[in-house]
Amino acid sequence: MSAVEQAVPIQFTEAAARKVKQLIDEEENPQLKLRVYVTGGGCSGFQYGFTFDEKVNPGDMQIDKEGVILVIDPMSLQYLAGGTVNYEEGLQGSRFFVDNPNATTTCGCGASFSI
């Protein structure tokens, strides 16, 4: 791991970047970026959200992995710091998810958490 990667407060895996690239290619819009955010709600207090966005707002953190940009707003970043954005395919389907060491509890599906 390079010093640059260690300075990034959240990791973006190659599996997630490859899937985002595939989805962006299907949409035929190279301006799209994957936005990860945290909102109130879910069964554990907070929940993760994933959306495609063309816009980068002032203060947003951008992480470039294999030519794909992950965007996180400052409020969400404080809850996600130290975590990893990943993508998996399995028996329960395919999904983006956050492995978050800050979460003290999570729900069964992993979409919500509490601190």
PDB file of N, CA and C in Angstrom:
ATOM      1  N   MET A   1       0.847  -1.171   0.000  1.00  0.00           N
ATOM      2  CA  MET A   1       0.000   0.000   0.000  1.00  0.00           C
ATOM      3  C   MET A   1       0.894   1.236   0.000  1.00  0.00           C
ATOM      4  N   SER A   2       0.641   2.165  -0.886  1.00  0.00           N
ATOM      5  CA  SER A   2       1.474   3.355  -0.983  1.00  0.00           C
ATOM      6  C   SER A   2       1.092   4.367   0.090  1.00  0.00           C
ATOM      7  N   ALA A   3       1.963   5.342   0.318  1.00  0.00           N
ATOM      8  CA  ALA A   3       1.697   6.383   1.308  1.00  0.00           C
ATOM      9  C   ALA A   3       0.454   7.186   0.924  1.00  0.00           C
ATOM     10  N   VAL A   4       0.222   7.353  -0.370  1.00  0.00           N
ATOM     11  CA  VAL A   4      -0.952   8.091  -0.830  1.00  0.00           C
ATOM     12  C   VAL A   4      -2.221   7.341  -0.436  1.00  0.00           C
ATOM     13  N   GLU A   5      -2.254   6.021  -0.644  1.00  0.00           N
ATOM     14  CA  GLU A   5      -3.424   5.226  -0.282  1.00  0.00           C
ATOM     15  C   GLU A   5      -3.658   5.257   1.228  1.00  0.00           C
ATOM     16  N   GLN A   6      -2.591   5.238   2.022  1.00  0.00           N
ATOM     17  CA  GLN A   6      -2.743   5.249   3.467  1.00  0.00           C
ATOM     18  C   GLN A   6      -3.333   6.567   3.957  1.00  0.00           C
ATOM     19  N   ALA A   7      -3.110   7.666   3.236  1.00  0.00           N
ATOM     20  CA  ALA A   7      -3.615   8.967   3.641  1.00  0.00           C
ATOM     21  C   ALA A   7      -5.107   9.116   3.359  1.00  0.00           C
ATOM     22  N   VAL A   8      -5.679   8.257   2.519  1.00  0.00           N
ATOM     23  CA  VAL A   8      -7.088   8.324   2.179  1.00  0.00           C
ATOM     24  C   VAL A   8      -7.897   7.757   3.343  1.00  0.00           C
ATOM     25  N   PRO A   9      -8.895   8.519   3.850  1.00  0.00           N
ATOM     26  CA  PRO A   9      -9.627   8.056   5.032  1.00  0.00           C
ATOM     27  C   PRO A   9     -10.626   6.928   4.778  1.00  0.00           C
ATOM     28  N   ILE A  10     -10.882   6.601   3.525  1.00  0.00           N
ATOM     29  CA  ILE A  10     -11.773   5.491   3.210  1.00  0.00           C
ATOM     30  C   ILE A  10     -11.223   4.775   1.980  1.00  0.00           C
ATOM     31  N   GLN A  11     -11.317   3.468   1.969  1.00  0.00           N
ATOM     32  CA  GLN A  11     -10.798   2.682   0.851  1.00  0.00           C
ATOM     33  C   GLN A  11     -11.913   2.371  -0.146  1.00  0.00           C
ATOM     34  N   PHE A  12     -11.536   2.251  -1.393  1.00  0.00           N
ATOM     35  CA  PHE A  12     -12.451   1.954  -2.503  1.00  0.00           C
ATOM     36  C   PHE A  12     -11.828   0.764  -3.218  1.00  0.00           C
ATOM     37  N   THR A  13     -12.431  -0.408  -3.096  1.00  0.00           N
ATOM     38  CA  THR A  13     -11.807  -1.630  -3.605  1.00  0.00           C
ATOM     39  C   THR A  13     -11.835  -1.689  -5.129  1.00  0.00           C
ATOM     40  N   GLU A  14     -10.930  -2.514  -5.666  1.00  0.00           N
ATOM     41  CA  GLU A  14     -10.888  -2.721  -7.118  1.00  0.00           C
ATOM     42  C   GLU A  14     -12.177  -3.354  -7.615  1.00  0.00           C
ATOM     43  N   ALA A  15     -12.768  -4.263  -6.838  1.00  0.00           N
ATOM     44  CA  ALA A  15     -14.027  -4.910  -7.237  1.00  0.00           C
ATOM     45  C   ALA A  15     -15.130  -3.863  -7.387  1.00  0.00           C
ATOM     46  N   ALA A  16     -15.210  -2.932  -6.443  1.00  0.00           N
ATOM     47  CA  ALA A  16     -16.221  -1.873  -6.509  1.00  0.00           C
ATOM     48  C   ALA A  16     -15.945  -0.953  -7.703  1.00  0.00           C
ATOM     49  N   ALA A  17     -14.692  -0.587  -7.896  1.00  0.00           N
ATOM     50  CA  ALA A  17     -14.345   0.298  -9.014  1.00  0.00           C
ATOM     51  C   ALA A  17     -14.663  -0.348 -10.357  1.00  0.00           C
ATOM     52  N   ARG A  18     -14.373  -1.641 -10.498  1.00  0.00           N
ATOM     53  CA  ARG A  18     -14.673  -2.341 -11.755  1.00  0.00           C
ATOM     54  C   ARG A  18     -16.177  -2.352 -12.036  1.00  0.00           C
ATOM     55  N   LYS A  19     -16.987  -2.596 -11.004  1.00  0.00           N
ATOM     56  CA  LYS A  19     -18.435  -2.626 -11.189  1.00  0.00           C
ATOM     57  C   LYS A  19     -18.964  -1.235 -11.532  1.00  0.00           C
ATOM     58  N   VAL A  20     -18.464  -0.226 -10.864  1.00  0.00           N
ATOM     59  CA  VAL A  20     -18.877   1.151 -11.171  1.00  0.00           C
ATOM     60  C   VAL A  20     -18.520   1.483 -12.609  1.00  0.00           C
ATOM     61  N   LYS A  21     -17.314   1.121 -13.040  1.00  0.00           N
ATOM     62  CA  LYS A  21     -16.896   1.381 -14.424  1.00  0.00           C
ATOM     63  C   LYS A  21     -17.834   0.687 -15.401  1.00  0.00           C
ATOM     64  N   GLN A  22     -18.189  -0.559 -15.118  1.00  0.00           N
ATOM     65  CA  GLN A  22     -19.108  -1.301 -15.986  1.00  0.00           C
ATOM     66  C   GLN A  22     -20.468  -0.589 -16.072  1.00  0.00           C
ATOM     67  N   LEU A  23     -20.993  -0.140 -14.938  1.00  0.00           N
ATOM     68  CA  LEU A  23     -22.288   0.540 -14.917  1.00  0.00           C
ATOM     69  C   LEU A  23     -22.234   1.884 -15.643  1.00  0.00           C
ATOM     70  N   ILE A  24     -21.132   2.614 -15.464  1.00  0.00           N
ATOM     71  CA  ILE A  24     -20.968   3.899 -16.162  1.00  0.00           C
ATOM     72  C   ILE A  24     -20.881   3.667 -17.667  1.00  0.00           C
ATOM     73  N   ASP A  25     -20.143   2.643 -18.087  1.00  0.00           N
ATOM     74  CA  ASP A  25     -20.046   2.315 -19.506  1.00  0.00           C
ATOM     75  C   ASP A  25     -21.416   1.975 -20.084  1.00  0.00           C
ATOM     76  N   GLU A  26     -22.237   1.244 -19.315  1.00  0.00           N
ATOM     77  CA  GLU A  26     -23.590   0.903 -19.775  1.00  0.00           C
ATOM     78  C   GLU A  26     -24.465   2.139 -19.919  1.00  0.00           C
ATOM     79  N   GLU A  27     -24.265   3.123 -19.042  1.00  0.00           N
ATOM     80  CA  GLU A  27     -25.035   4.369 -19.107  1.00  0.00           C
ATOM     81  C   GLU A  27     -24.501   5.309 -20.188  1.00  0.00           C
ATOM     82  N   GLU A  28     -23.301   5.024 -20.688  1.00  0.00           N
ATOM     83  CA  GLU A  28     -22.636   5.842 -21.708  1.00  0.00           C
ATOM     84  C   GLU A  28     -22.512   7.298 -21.281  1.00  0.00           C
ATOM     85  N   ASN A  29     -22.176   7.498 -19.984  1.00  0.00           N
ATOM     86  CA  ASN A  29     -21.979   8.840 -19.450  1.00  0.00           C
ATOM     87  C   ASN A  29     -20.715   8.850 -18.589  1.00  0.00           C
ATOM     88  N   PRO A  30     -19.565   9.200 -19.187  1.00  0.00           N
ATOM     89  CA  PRO A  30     -18.305   9.169 -18.435  1.00  0.00           C
ATOM     90  C   PRO A  30     -18.217  10.231 -17.335  1.00  0.00           C
ATOM     91  N   GLN A  31     -19.194  11.124 -17.246  1.00  0.00           N
ATOM     92  CA  GLN A  31     -19.198  12.153 -16.195  1.00  0.00           C
ATOM     93  C   GLN A  31     -19.722  11.623 -14.859  1.00  0.00           C
ATOM     94  N   LEU A  32     -20.309  10.428 -14.860  1.00  0.00           N
ATOM     95  CA  LEU A  32     -20.887   9.883 -13.634  1.00  0.00           C
ATOM     96  C   LEU A  32     -19.811   9.466 -12.637  1.00  0.00           C
ATOM     97  N   LYS A  33     -20.138   9.679 -11.372  1.00  0.00           N
ATOM     98  CA  LYS A  33     -19.278   9.284 -10.258  1.00  0.00           C
ATOM     99  C   LYS A  33     -20.158   8.535  -9.263  1.00  0.00           C
ATOM    100  N   LEU A  34     -19.569   7.631  -8.482  1.00  0.00           N
ATOM    101  CA  LEU A  34     -20.330   6.938  -7.440  1.00  0.00           C
ATOM    102  C   LEU A  34     -20.299   7.790  -6.177  1.00  0.00           C
ATOM    103  N   ARG A  35     -21.478   8.199  -5.726  1.00  0.00           N
ATOM    104  CA  ARG A  35     -21.588   8.962  -4.487  1.00  0.00           C
ATOM    105  C   ARG A  35     -22.047   8.020  -3.373  1.00  0.00           C
ATOM    106  N   VAL A  36     -21.292   8.014  -2.278  1.00  0.00           N
ATOM    107  CA  VAL A  36     -21.641   7.232  -1.098  1.00  0.00           C
ATOM    108  C   VAL A  36     -21.999   8.241  -0.013  1.00  0.00           C
ATOM    109  N   TYR A  37     -23.116   7.991   0.678  1.00  0.00           N
ATOM    110  CA  TYR A  37     -23.555   8.938   1.697  1.00  0.00           C
ATOM    111  C   TYR A  37     -24.210   8.204   2.864  1.00  0.00           C
ATOM    112  N   VAL A  38     -24.362   8.926   3.952  1.00  0.00           N
ATOM    113  CA  VAL A  38     -25.003   8.408   5.149  1.00  0.00           C
ATOM    114  C   VAL A  38     -26.201   9.292   5.446  1.00  0.00           C
ATOM    115  N   THR A  39     -27.349   8.670   5.732  1.00  0.00           N
ATOM    116  CA  THR A  39     -28.547   9.412   6.127  1.00  0.00           C
ATOM    117  C   THR A  39     -29.098   8.813   7.414  1.00  0.00           C
ATOM    118  N   GLY A  40     -29.921   9.570   8.093  1.00  0.00           N
ATOM    119  CA  GLY A  40     -30.604   9.047   9.266  1.00  0.00           C
ATOM    120  C   GLY A  40     -31.677   8.071   8.823  1.00  0.00           C
ATOM    121  N   GLY A  41     -31.903   7.036   9.607  1.00  0.00           N
ATOM    122  CA  GLY A  41     -32.948   6.072   9.283  1.00  0.00           C
ATOM    123  C   GLY A  41     -32.437   4.656   9.342  1.00  0.00           C
ATOM    124  N   GLY A  42     -33.218   3.767   8.784  1.00  0.00           N
ATOM    125  CA  GLY A  42     -32.861   2.352   8.845  1.00  0.00           C
ATOM    126  C   GLY A  42     -33.158   1.806  10.223  1.00  0.00           C
ATOM    127  N   CYS A  43     -32.997   0.532  10.391  1.00  0.00           N
ATOM    128  CA  CYS A  43     -33.351  -0.101  11.668  1.00  0.00           C
ATOM    129  C   CYS A  43     -32.290   0.126  12.749  1.00  0.00           C
ATOM    130  N   SER A  44     -31.124   0.671  12.391  1.00  0.00           N
ATOM    131  CA  SER A  44     -30.067   0.874  13.388  1.00  0.00           C
ATOM    132  C   SER A  44     -29.706   2.340  13.609  1.00  0.00           C
ATOM    133  N   GLY A  45     -30.426   3.279  12.995  1.00  0.00           N
ATOM    134  CA  GLY A  45     -30.167   4.698  13.243  1.00  0.00           C
ATOM    135  C   GLY A  45     -29.621   5.470  12.059  1.00  0.00           C
ATOM    136  N   PHE A  46     -28.668   4.906  11.333  1.00  0.00           N
ATOM    137  CA  PHE A  46     -28.116   5.513  10.122  1.00  0.00           C
ATOM    138  C   PHE A  46     -28.175   4.480   9.010  1.00  0.00           C
ATOM    139  N   GLN A  47     -28.209   4.954   7.777  1.00  0.00           N
ATOM    140  CA  GLN A  47     -28.114   3.999   6.684  1.00  0.00           C
ATOM    141  C   GLN A  47     -27.244   4.548   5.562  1.00  0.00           C
ATOM    142  N   TYR A  48     -26.648   3.607   4.833  1.00  0.00           N
ATOM    143  CA  TYR A  48     -25.778   3.952   3.720  1.00  0.00           C
ATOM    144  C   TYR A  48     -26.613   4.146   2.468  1.00  0.00           C
ATOM    145  N   GLY A  49     -26.142   5.046   1.615  1.00  0.00           N
ATOM    146  CA  GLY A  49     -26.779   5.226   0.324  1.00  0.00           C
ATOM    147  C   GLY A  49     -25.728   5.277  -0.762  1.00  0.00           C
ATOM    148  N   PHE A  50     -26.098   4.800  -1.934  1.00  0.00           N
ATOM    149  CA  PHE A  50     -25.218   4.805  -3.103  1.00  0.00           C
ATOM    150  C   PHE A  50     -26.024   5.371  -4.261  1.00  0.00           C
ATOM    151  N   THR A  51     -25.445   6.306  -4.998  1.00  0.00           N
ATOM    152  CA  THR A  51     -26.113   6.850  -6.171  1.00  0.00           C
ATOM    153  C   THR A  51     -25.055   7.305  -7.167  1.00  0.00           C
ATOM    154  N   PHE A  52     -25.465   7.455  -8.415  1.00  0.00           N
ATOM    155  CA  PHE A  52     -24.567   8.024  -9.409  1.00  0.00           C
ATOM    156  C   PHE A  52     -24.847   9.511  -9.503  1.00  0.00           C
ATOM    157  N   ASP A  53     -23.799  10.295  -9.617  1.00  0.00           N
ATOM    158  CA  ASP A  53     -23.913  11.746  -9.620  1.00  0.00           C
ATOM    159  C   ASP A  53     -22.885  12.318 -10.587  1.00  0.00           C
ATOM    160  N   GLU A  54     -23.284  13.325 -11.343  1.00  0.00           N
ATOM    161  CA  GLU A  54     -22.333  14.017 -12.222  1.00  0.00           C
ATOM    162  C   GLU A  54     -21.638  15.155 -11.492  1.00  0.00           C
ATOM    163  N   LYS A  55     -22.258  15.630 -10.427  1.00  0.00           N
ATOM    164  CA  LYS A  55     -21.792  16.830  -9.747  1.00  0.00           C
ATOM    165  C   LYS A  55     -20.887  16.494  -8.567  1.00  0.00           C
ATOM    166  N   VAL A  56     -19.870  17.304  -8.360  1.00  0.00           N
ATOM    167  CA  VAL A  56     -19.033  17.250  -7.168  1.00  0.00           C
ATOM    168  C   VAL A  56     -19.227  18.577  -6.462  1.00  0.00           C
ATOM    169  N   ASN A  57     -19.676  18.530  -5.222  1.00  0.00           N
ATOM    170  CA  ASN A  57     -19.954  19.739  -4.450  1.00  0.00           C
ATOM    171  C   ASN A  57     -18.700  20.222  -3.732  1.00  0.00           C
ATOM    172  N   PRO A  58     -18.636  21.521  -3.409  1.00  0.00           N
ATOM    173  CA  PRO A  58     -17.499  22.017  -2.625  1.00  0.00           C
ATOM    174  C   PRO A  58     -17.383  21.238  -1.320  1.00  0.00           C
ATOM    175  N   GLY A  59     -16.181  20.823  -0.978  1.00  0.00           N
ATOM    176  CA  GLY A  59     -15.943  20.075   0.252  1.00  0.00           C
ATOM    177  C   GLY A  59     -16.038  18.571   0.095  1.00  0.00           C
ATOM    178  N   ASP A  60     -16.580  18.084  -1.026  1.00  0.00           N
ATOM    179  CA  ASP A  60     -16.663  16.640  -1.251  1.00  0.00           C
ATOM    180  C   ASP A  60     -15.272  16.042  -1.386  1.00  0.00           C
ATOM    181  N   MET A  61     -15.079  14.872  -0.812  1.00  0.00           N
ATOM    182  CA  MET A  61     -13.839  14.127  -1.020  1.00  0.00           C
ATOM    183  C   MET A  61     -13.999  13.282  -2.270  1.00  0.00           C
ATOM    184  N   GLN A  62     -12.952  13.235  -3.082  1.00  0.00           N
ATOM    185  CA  GLN A  62     -12.956  12.405  -4.284  1.00  0.00           C
ATOM    186  C   GLN A  62     -11.817  11.398  -4.192  1.00  0.00           C
ATOM    187  N   ILE A  63     -12.136  10.146  -4.496  1.00  0.00           N
ATOM    188  CA  ILE A  63     -11.122   9.099  -4.526  1.00  0.00           C
ATOM    189  C   ILE A  63     -11.172   8.482  -5.915  1.00  0.00           C
ATOM    190  N   ASP A  64     -10.036   8.497  -6.600  1.00  0.00           N
ATOM    191  CA  ASP A  64      -9.931   7.951  -7.952  1.00  0.00           C
ATOM    192  C   ASP A  64      -9.319   6.558  -7.880  1.00  0.00           C
ATOM    193  N   LYS A  65     -10.050   5.577  -8.400  1.00  0.00           N
ATOM    194  CA  LYS A  65      -9.557   4.192  -8.433  1.00  0.00           C
ATOM    195  C   LYS A  65      -9.822   3.660  -9.831  1.00  0.00           C
ATOM    196  N   GLU A  66      -8.762   3.361 -10.540  1.00  0.00           N
ATOM    197  CA  GLU A  66      -8.865   2.803 -11.892  1.00  0.00           C
ATOM    198  C   GLU A  66      -9.712   3.687 -12.815  1.00  0.00           C
ATOM    199  N   GLY A  67      -9.587   5.011 -12.646  1.00  0.00           N
ATOM    200  CA  GLY A  67     -10.311   5.945 -13.507  1.00  0.00           C
ATOM    201  C   GLY A  67     -11.762   6.172 -13.108  1.00  0.00           C
ATOM    202  N   VAL A  68     -12.180   5.600 -11.982  1.00  0.00           N
ATOM    203  CA  VAL A  68     -13.533   5.778 -11.468  1.00  0.00           C
ATOM    204  C   VAL A  68     -13.441   6.661 -10.224  1.00  0.00           C
ATOM    205  N   ILE A  69     -14.379   7.608 -10.098  1.00  0.00           N
ATOM    206  CA  ILE A  69     -14.349   8.532  -8.973  1.00  0.00           C
ATOM    207  C   ILE A  69     -15.426   8.166  -7.946  1.00  0.00           C
ATOM    208  N   LEU A  70     -14.997   8.033  -6.687  1.00  0.00           N
ATOM    209  CA  LEU A  70     -15.894   7.862  -5.555  1.00  0.00           C
ATOM    210  C   LEU A  70     -15.986   9.224  -4.885  1.00  0.00           C
ATOM    211  N   VAL A  71     -17.212   9.692  -4.608  1.00  0.00           N
ATOM    212  CA  VAL A  71     -17.436  11.008  -4.018  1.00  0.00           C
ATOM    213  C   VAL A  71     -18.161  10.834  -2.682  1.00  0.00           C
ATOM    214  N   ILE A  72     -17.685  11.561  -1.656  1.00  0.00           N
ATOM    215  CA  ILE A  72     -18.296  11.499  -0.329  1.00  0.00           C
ATOM    216  C   ILE A  72     -18.383  12.918   0.229  1.00  0.00           C
ATOM    217  N   ASP A  73     -19.570  13.287   0.714  1.00  0.00           N
ATOM    218  CA  ASP A  73     -19.735  14.613   1.313  1.00  0.00           C
ATOM    219  C   ASP A  73     -19.095  14.631   2.702  1.00  0.00           C
ATOM    220  N   PRO A  74     -18.738  15.835   3.208  1.00  0.00           N
ATOM    221  CA  PRO A  74     -18.018  15.921   4.489  1.00  0.00           C
ATOM    222  C   PRO A  74     -18.781  15.322   5.677  1.00  0.00           C
ATOM    223  N   MET A  75     -20.105  15.508   5.736  1.00  0.00           N
ATOM    224  CA  MET A  75     -20.879  14.963   6.854  1.00  0.00           C
ATOM    225  C   MET A  75     -20.820  13.441   6.852  1.00  0.00           C
ATOM    226  N   SER A  76     -20.998  12.838   5.684  1.00  0.00           N
ATOM    227  CA  SER A  76     -20.960  11.375   5.586  1.00  0.00           C
ATOM    228  C   SER A  76     -19.571  10.834   5.874  1.00  0.00           C
ATOM    229  N   LEU A  77     -18.547  11.566   5.438  1.00  0.00           N
ATOM    230  CA  LEU A  77     -17.171  11.095   5.611  1.00  0.00           C
ATOM    231  C   LEU A  77     -16.831  10.873   7.080  1.00  0.00           C
ATOM    232  N   GLN A  78     -17.371  11.698   7.971  1.00  0.00           N
ATOM    233  CA  GLN A  78     -17.051  11.519   9.392  1.00  0.00           C
ATOM    234  C   GLN A  78     -17.560  10.184   9.925  1.00  0.00           C
ATOM    235  N   TYR A  79     -18.619   9.638   9.332  1.00  0.00           N
ATOM    236  CA  TYR A  79     -19.140   8.339   9.755  1.00  0.00           C
ATOM    237  C   TYR A  79     -18.470   7.169   9.019  1.00  0.00           C
ATOM    238  N   LEU A  80     -17.869   7.474   7.871  1.00  0.00           N
ATOM    239  CA  LEU A  80     -17.290   6.425   7.031  1.00  0.00           C
ATOM    240  C   LEU A  80     -15.775   6.296   7.164  1.00  0.00           C
ATOM    241  N   ALA A  81     -15.136   7.249   7.824  1.00  0.00           N
ATOM    242  CA  ALA A  81     -13.670   7.265   7.921  1.00  0.00           C
ATOM    243  C   ALA A  81     -13.143   5.939   8.471  1.00  0.00           C
ATOM    244  N   GLY A  82     -12.162   5.399   7.792  1.00  0.00           N
ATOM    245  CA  GLY A  82     -11.563   4.124   8.184  1.00  0.00           C
ATOM    246  C   GLY A  82     -12.250   2.926   7.554  1.00  0.00           C
ATOM    247  N   GLY A  83     -13.334   3.175   6.828  1.00  0.00           N
ATOM    248  CA  GLY A  83     -14.098   2.087   6.221  1.00  0.00           C
ATOM    249  C   GLY A  83     -13.637   1.758   4.814  1.00  0.00           C
ATOM    250  N   THR A  84     -14.348   0.811   4.225  1.00  0.00           N
ATOM    251  CA  THR A  84     -14.046   0.353   2.870  1.00  0.00           C
ATOM    252  C   THR A  84     -15.342   0.217   2.087  1.00  0.00           C
ATOM    253  N   VAL A  85     -15.367   0.816   0.899  1.00  0.00           N
ATOM    254  CA  VAL A  85     -16.493   0.640  -0.018  1.00  0.00           C
ATOM    255  C   VAL A  85     -16.140  -0.544  -0.911  1.00  0.00           C
ATOM    256  N   ASN A  86     -17.020  -1.542  -0.940  1.00  0.00           N
ATOM    257  CA  ASN A  86     -16.737  -2.766  -1.669  1.00  0.00           C
ATOM    258  C   ASN A  86     -17.967  -3.182  -2.477  1.00  0.00           C
ATOM    259  N   TYR A  87     -17.787  -4.194  -3.296  1.00  0.00           N
ATOM    260  CA  TYR A  87     -18.863  -4.756  -4.106  1.00  0.00           C
ATOM    261  C   TYR A  87     -18.718  -6.271  -4.060  1.00  0.00           C
ATOM    262  N   GLU A  88     -19.857  -6.963  -3.918  1.00  0.00           N
ATOM    263  CA  GLU A  88     -19.796  -8.421  -3.908  1.00  0.00           C
ATOM    264  C   GLU A  88     -20.987  -9.003  -4.660  1.00  0.00           C
ATOM    265  N   GLU A  89     -20.766 -10.182  -5.198  1.00  0.00           N
ATOM    266  CA  GLU A  89     -21.820 -10.970  -5.817  1.00  0.00           C
ATOM    267  C   GLU A  89     -21.854 -12.294  -5.088  1.00  0.00           C
ATOM    268  N   GLY A  90     -23.053 -12.711  -4.684  1.00  0.00           N
ATOM    269  CA  GLY A  90     -23.167 -13.956  -3.938  1.00  0.00           C
ATOM    270  C   GLY A  90     -24.565 -14.519  -4.039  1.00  0.00           C
ATOM    271  N   LEU A  91     -24.874 -15.461  -3.173  1.00  0.00           N
ATOM    272  CA  LEU A  91     -26.172 -16.117  -3.186  1.00  0.00           C
ATOM    273  C   LEU A  91     -27.321 -15.150  -2.909  1.00  0.00           C
ATOM    274  N   GLN A  92     -27.054 -14.101  -2.145  1.00  0.00           N
ATOM    275  CA  GLN A  92     -28.093 -13.132  -1.817  1.00  0.00           C
ATOM    276  C   GLN A  92     -28.185 -12.015  -2.854  1.00  0.00           C
ATOM    277  N   GLY A  93     -27.466 -12.131  -3.946  1.00  0.00           N
ATOM    278  CA  GLY A  93     -27.483 -11.109  -4.991  1.00  0.00           C
ATOM    279  C   GLY A  93     -26.198 -10.315  -5.008  1.00  0.00           C
ATOM    280  N   SER A  94     -26.204  -9.261  -5.779  1.00  0.00           N
ATOM    281  CA  SER A  94     -25.023  -8.408  -5.870  1.00  0.00           C
ATOM    282  C   SER A  94     -25.333  -7.070  -5.206  1.00  0.00           C
ATOM    283  N   ARG A  95     -24.283  -6.478  -4.611  1.00  0.00           N
ATOM    284  CA  ARG A  95     -24.510  -5.225  -3.902  1.00  0.00           C
ATOM    285  C   ARG A  95     -23.207  -4.494  -3.636  1.00  0.00           C
ATOM    286  N   PHE A  96     -23.328  -3.171  -3.540  1.00  0.00           N
ATOM    287  CA  PHE A  96     -22.264  -2.357  -2.986  1.00  0.00           C
ATOM    288  C   PHE A  96     -22.500  -2.335  -1.483  1.00  0.00           C
ATOM    289  N   PHE A  97     -21.438  -2.300  -0.698  1.00  0.00           N
ATOM    290  CA  PHE A  97     -21.593  -2.212   0.748  1.00  0.00           C
ATOM    291  C   PHE A  97     -20.398  -1.495   1.354  1.00  0.00           C
ATOM    292  N   VAL A  98     -20.568  -1.080   2.602  1.00  0.00           N
ATOM    293  CA  VAL A  98     -19.504  -0.407   3.341  1.00  0.00           C
ATOM    294  C   VAL A  98     -19.113  -1.289   4.519  1.00  0.00           C
ATOM    295  N   ASP A  99     -17.834  -1.603   4.607  1.00  0.00           N
ATOM    296  CA  ASP A  99     -17.290  -2.277   5.778  1.00  0.00           C
ATOM    297  C   ASP A  99     -16.818  -1.155   6.691  1.00  0.00           C
ATOM    298  N   ASN A 100     -17.569  -0.889   7.759  1.00  0.00           N
ATOM    299  CA  ASN A 100     -17.357   0.296   8.576  1.00  0.00           C
ATOM    300  C   ASN A 100     -16.923  -0.079   9.994  1.00  0.00           C
ATOM    301  N   PRO A 101     -15.656   0.166  10.343  1.00  0.00           N
ATOM    302  CA  PRO A 101     -15.184  -0.179  11.688  1.00  0.00           C
ATOM    303  C   PRO A 101     -15.775   0.730  12.768  1.00  0.00           C
ATOM    304  N   ASN A 102     -16.390   1.854  12.381  1.00  0.00           N
ATOM    305  CA  ASN A 102     -16.990   2.776  13.343  1.00  0.00           C
ATOM    306  C   ASN A 102     -18.363   2.305  13.819  1.00  0.00           C
ATOM    307  N   ALA A 103     -18.990   1.416  13.076  1.00  0.00           N
ATOM    308  CA  ALA A 103     -20.334   0.959  13.413  1.00  0.00           C
ATOM    309  C   ALA A 103     -20.278   0.016  14.612  1.00  0.00           C
ATOM    310  N   THR A 104     -21.032   0.342  15.652  1.00  0.00           N
ATOM    311  CA  THR A 104     -21.072  -0.522  16.832  1.00  0.00           C
ATOM    312  C   THR A 104     -22.116  -1.617  16.656  1.00  0.00           C
ATOM    313  N   THR A 105     -23.177  -1.342  15.896  1.00  0.00           N
ATOM    314  CA  THR A 105     -24.168  -2.345  15.556  1.00  0.00           C
ATOM    315  C   THR A 105     -24.583  -2.135  14.106  1.00  0.00           C
ATOM    316  N   THR A 106     -24.955  -3.215  13.458  1.00  0.00           N
ATOM    317  CA  THR A 106     -25.464  -3.128  12.096  1.00  0.00           C
ATOM    318  C   THR A 106     -26.723  -3.985  12.013  1.00  0.00           C
ATOM    319  N   CYS A 107     -27.527  -3.725  10.988  1.00  0.00           N
ATOM    320  CA  CYS A 107     -28.713  -4.566  10.788  1.00  0.00           C
ATOM    321  C   CYS A 107     -28.305  -5.826  10.019  1.00  0.00           C
ATOM    322  N   GLY A 108     -29.206  -6.750   9.882  1.00  0.00           N
ATOM    323  CA  GLY A 108     -28.911  -8.017   9.221  1.00  0.00           C
ATOM    324  C   GLY A 108     -28.488  -7.853   7.782  1.00  0.00           C
ATOM    325  N   CYS A 109     -29.032  -6.870   7.072  1.00  0.00           N
ATOM    326  CA  CYS A 109     -28.689  -6.716   5.651  1.00  0.00           C
ATOM    327  C   CYS A 109     -27.440  -5.849   5.462  1.00  0.00           C
ATOM    328  N   GLY A 110     -26.975  -5.199   6.524  1.00  0.00           N
ATOM    329  CA  GLY A 110     -25.765  -4.378   6.430  1.00  0.00           C
ATOM    330  C   GLY A 110     -25.997  -3.002   5.855  1.00  0.00           C
ATOM    331  N   ALA A 111     -27.271  -2.615   5.634  1.00  0.00           N
ATOM    332  CA  ALA A 111     -27.560  -1.315   5.041  1.00  0.00           C
ATOM    333  C   ALA A 111     -27.685  -0.213   6.077  1.00  0.00           C
ATOM    334  N   SER A 112     -27.841  -0.566   7.346  1.00  0.00           N
ATOM    335  CA  SER A 112     -27.918   0.463   8.377  1.00  0.00           C
ATOM    336  C   SER A 112     -26.997   0.110   9.538  1.00  0.00           C
ATOM    337  N   PHE A 113     -26.693   1.151  10.349  1.00  0.00           N
ATOM    338  CA  PHE A 113     -25.736   0.971  11.428  1.00  0.00           C
ATOM    339  C   PHE A 113     -25.955   2.017  12.499  1.00  0.00           C
ATOM    340  N   SER A 114     -25.311   1.841  13.639  1.00  0.00           N
ATOM    341  CA  SER A 114     -25.283   2.862  14.675  1.00  0.00           C
ATOM    342  C   SER A 114     -23.853   3.019  15.158  1.00  0.00           C
ATOM    343  N   ILE A 115     -23.599   4.163  15.754  1.00  0.00           N
ATOM    344  CA  ILE A 115     -22.250   4.500  16.224  1.00  0.00           C
ATOM    345  C   ILE A 115     -22.282   4.547  17.743  1.00  0.00           C
TER     346      ILE A 115
END
